[in-house]
Amino acid sequence: MAVQTAPIQTISLKLSYERAKRVLDIVFTLCIAVPVLLFSAVIALLILADSEGPILYRQKRVGRNGAEFEMLKFRSMYVKNDDSKHREAIKHYMNGSKLNNDTNSPYKIYNDPRVTKVGKFIRSTSLDELPQFLNVLRGEMSLVGPRPPLPFEAELYSLHHKLRLSGNPGLTGPWQIYGRSRVTFENMVEMDIAYLQRQSLWEDIKLIFLTVPVVIKKRGGA
């Protein structure tokens, strides 16, 4: 069941910007399709050799205006695990509580026993998110945009928090580039809202290319 969002306090996106953004999503994704498929084939084999279970992990996420969709990821955890620890961590994060004593990534979960050996690598390098290019082609996600929350997370949102659901969620965005595990939930919300209000295609292109060094340096990876 889709998470209901209030009809007030939304950010209206310009049609010209949305069309240009969609063209960028499709063209860029198709241009890098070959290397993405090659990397994906290698990762799939590693996952199969590392632990039992499916290659892909399908997870319900909340997208634009509260509509739920099935986000794709490479499986990085053991099957049939307990997600109560993760749910509790999300609540602490939303309340502003630090999850560890690391000054560089105080809001990051360390040593999660649910994560496989291969999972640790693909999560730290963000390679587990490669299947989401398919979500981009489907129009469920964009290359750039706010991180899509889990349904139970979105249910805790205030009306102000729901403003970040005014546009399509993204593979990358200002939070992934400038914040990630270093900023509070409230700061993340403000970064996403400010991004949606600017509606700049040039900023989208800039954020796409800034994602490369962030991934290489494994900065803030889960």
Foldseek 3Di string as FASTA:
>chain_A
DFDAADPPDAFDADPVLVVVQLVCLVVVLVVCVVVLVVVLVVQQVVVVVFADDHQKDWAWFAAANRGIDTAIFGDFFYPPDDCPVVVVLLVCLQVVHFPDDDQQQRSDDPPDVGGTPSSVVCQLLVSRRSVRSVVSVVVQAGQEAAATHHPVSVNPDDNLLCNSRNHGHHSWYCCLQPNARNDGPVVSSVRRNVVSNVSDPVVVVVRNVSVVVCSVVSRNGD
